[in-house]
């Protein structure tokens, strides 16, 4: 009876320890960029997070009305957020991010330019990386020129 009790207590301590380690691994992340705006009793914004112990980077667009769009980025290092700028009276956010391969830090890296319009719910991306897009034969993704025209149309 005494051995059974010792084994039960040991198993409980081991489970708690394992749970704590998993929590630390999954919860440890660095915020590479974030910003928010508020108006009319509501807030909205974005957060770009890179996990420390897991090869995962996420971009989240959120709103206090229940919006929570989470996108996984390629397994790359975020060199930096070159720019984040609110457009169209704070209804849209422009992000210019530079990503570098994890295994080749000397590489030039890839720019990812994103506009998310919180009012319309549209996401526009200009990048050579496939990101979340499904490969479609003959589909032309947004060019840099088209993206620049979009930015100009959203400027005040």
Protein backbone atom coordinates (compact mmCIF):
# COMPACT_ATOMS: atom_id res chain seq x y z
CA UNK A 1 0.00 0.00 0.00
CA UNK A 2 2.87 2.40 0.83
CA UNK A 3 4.62 1.74 -2.53
CA UNK A 4 1.40 2.44 -4.42
CA UNK A 5 1.10 5.79 -2.66
CA UNK A 6 4.74 6.72 -3.42
CA UNK A 7 4.27 5.78 -7.09
CA UNK A 8 1.08 7.84 -7.33
CA UNK A 9 2.75 10.90 -5.80
CA UNK A 10 5.80 10.45 -8.08
CA UNK A 11 3.58 10.20 -11.15
CA UNK A 12 1.68 13.35 -10.13
CA UNK A 13 4.92 15.31 -9.60
CA UNK A 14 6.28 14.10 -12.96
CA UNK A 15 3.04 15.10 -14.74
CA UNK A 16 3.11 18.56 -13.17
CA UNK A 17 6.77 18.98 -14.16
CA UNK A 18 6.07 17.87 -17.73
CA UNK A 19 3.10 20.23 -17.94
CA UNK A 20 5.25 23.14 -16.72
CA UNK A 21 7.94 22.40 -19.32
CA UNK A 22 5.35 22.19 -22.12
CA UNK A 23 3.80 25.45 -20.99
CA UNK A 24 7.17 27.25 -21.02
CA UNK A 25 8.06 25.86 -24.46
CA UNK A 26 4.73 26.78 -26.03
CA UNK A 27 4.31 30.13 -24.28
CA UNK A 28 7.85 31.46 -24.84
CA UNK A 29 7.73 33.83 -27.75
CA UNK A 30 9.10 37.18 -28.77
CA UNK A 31 6.94 39.91 -30.21
CA UNK A 32 8.65 41.27 -33.33
CA UNK A 33 5.97 43.87 -33.95
CA UNK A 34 2.57 44.97 -32.77
CA UNK A 35 0.29 47.96 -32.92
CA UNK A 36 -3.33 48.79 -32.18
CA UNK A 37 -5.91 51.48 -32.71
CA UNK A 38 -9.13 52.20 -30.84
CA UNK A 39 -12.27 54.08 -31.70
CA UNK A 40 -16.01 53.88 -31.06
CA UNK A 41 -15.58 51.57 -28.05
CA UNK A 42 -13.64 49.02 -30.13
CA UNK A 43 -9.95 48.25 -30.64
CA UNK A 44 -8.11 46.43 -33.44
CA UNK A 45 -4.52 45.67 -34.28
CA UNK A 46 -1.89 43.14 -35.23
CA UNK A 47 0.82 41.13 -33.49
CA UNK A 48 3.81 39.42 -35.09
CA UNK A 49 5.30 36.73 -32.82
CA UNK A 50 8.23 34.37 -33.16
CA UNK A 51 8.32 31.37 -30.83
CA UNK A 52 11.62 30.70 -29.06
CA UNK A 53 11.66 26.92 -28.79
CA UNK A 54 9.35 25.95 -31.65
CA UNK A 55 9.97 26.72 -35.33
CA UNK A 56 6.89 28.89 -35.65
CA UNK A 57 6.15 32.51 -36.49
CA UNK A 58 2.60 33.85 -36.45
CA UNK A 59 0.95 37.02 -37.66
CA UNK A 60 -2.35 37.78 -35.93
CA UNK A 61 -4.91 40.39 -36.86
CA UNK A 62 -7.37 40.93 -34.03
CA UNK A 63 -10.36 43.08 -33.16
CA UNK A 64 -12.36 43.47 -29.97
CA UNK A 65 -15.52 42.48 -31.89
CA UNK A 66 -14.21 38.90 -32.10
CA UNK A 67 -11.79 39.11 -35.01
CA UNK A 68 -8.85 36.73 -34.53
CA UNK A 69 -7.09 35.82 -37.79
CA UNK A 70 -3.85 33.93 -37.23
CA UNK A 71 -1.48 33.18 -40.09
CA UNK A 72 1.64 31.02 -39.86
CA UNK A 73 4.63 32.49 -41.65
CA UNK A 74 7.40 30.36 -43.21
CA UNK A 75 9.98 28.89 -40.83
CA UNK A 76 12.33 31.83 -41.11
CA UNK A 77 13.82 34.45 -38.82
CA UNK A 78 12.23 37.86 -38.73
CA UNK A 79 15.13 40.17 -39.42
CA UNK A 80 12.96 43.15 -38.65
CA UNK A 81 9.70 44.87 -39.31
CA UNK A 82 10.86 47.57 -41.72
CA UNK A 83 7.66 49.46 -41.45
CA UNK A 84 4.19 49.36 -39.97
CA UNK A 85 1.93 52.23 -40.88
CA UNK A 86 -1.77 52.83 -40.34
CA UNK A 87 -3.66 53.92 -43.44
CA UNK A 88 -7.13 55.16 -44.44
CA UNK A 89 -7.98 56.83 -41.12
CA UNK A 90 -6.62 53.84 -39.15
CA UNK A 91 -8.85 51.26 -40.81
CA UNK A 92 -5.93 49.43 -42.51
CA UNK A 93 -2.40 48.46 -41.47
CA UNK A 94 0.58 48.25 -43.82
CA UNK A 95 3.43 45.92 -42.83
CA UNK A 96 6.81 45.56 -44.51
CA UNK A 97 8.66 42.57 -43.02
CA UNK A 98 12.02 41.06 -43.93
CA UNK A 99 12.40 37.31 -43.40
CA UNK A 100 15.68 35.37 -43.55
CA UNK A 101 16.19 31.59 -43.77
CA UNK A 102 17.01 30.07 -40.36
CA UNK A 103 19.83 27.94 -41.78
CA UNK A 104 21.41 30.73 -43.86
CA UNK A 105 21.63 33.95 -41.84
CA UNK A 106 23.94 35.50 -44.47
CA UNK A 107 21.21 35.28 -47.14
CA UNK A 108 19.62 38.49 -48.35
CA UNK A 109 16.18 37.38 -47.19
CA UNK A 110 12.73 38.09 -48.59
CA UNK A 111 10.48 41.10 -48.16
CA UNK A 112 6.84 40.48 -47.34
CA UNK A 113 4.53 43.46 -47.77
CA UNK A 114 1.04 43.16 -46.33
CA UNK A 115 -2.03 45.38 -46.10
CA UNK A 116 -4.91 44.24 -43.92
CA UNK A 117 -8.09 46.32 -44.09
CA UNK A 118 -10.01 45.81 -40.84
CA UNK A 119 -13.20 47.39 -42.18
CA UNK A 120 -13.38 45.41 -45.41
CA UNK A 121 -11.72 42.25 -44.12
CA UNK A 122 -9.27 42.09 -47.03
CA UNK A 123 -5.67 40.90 -46.95
CA UNK A 124 -3.32 41.95 -49.76
CA UNK A 125 0.20 40.53 -50.01
CA UNK A 126 3.19 41.25 -52.25
CA UNK A 127 5.99 38.71 -51.79
CA UNK A 128 7.98 36.11 -53.67
CA UNK A 129 7.18 33.64 -50.88
CA UNK A 130 4.06 31.48 -51.34
CA UNK A 131 2.86 32.19 -47.78
CA UNK A 132 -0.82 31.19 -47.35
CA UNK A 133 -1.74 31.26 -51.00
CA UNK A 134 -2.74 28.06 -52.72
CA UNK A 135 -0.78 27.46 -55.89
CA UNK A 136 -3.06 28.11 -58.83
CA UNK A 137 -1.93 27.51 -62.36
CA UNK A 138 -1.86 30.73 -64.34
CA UNK A 139 -2.74 32.89 -61.32
CA UNK A 140 -0.78 36.11 -61.11
CA UNK A 141 -0.34 37.29 -57.54
CA UNK A 142 -0.18 40.97 -56.69
CA UNK A 143 2.86 42.62 -58.24
CA UNK A 144 4.92 45.27 -56.50
CA UNK A 145 3.45 47.92 -58.82
CA UNK A 146 -0.12 46.82 -58.06
CA UNK A 147 0.70 46.80 -54.34
CA UNK A 148 2.17 50.32 -54.56
CA UNK A 149 -1.03 51.51 -56.28
CA UNK A 150 -3.06 49.96 -53.45
CA UNK A 151 -0.94 51.84 -50.88
CA UNK A 152 -1.45 55.12 -52.76
CA UNK A 153 -5.22 54.55 -52.84
CA UNK A 154 -5.29 54.07 -49.05
CA UNK A 155 -3.17 57.12 -48.24
CA UNK A 156 -5.06 60.11 -46.80
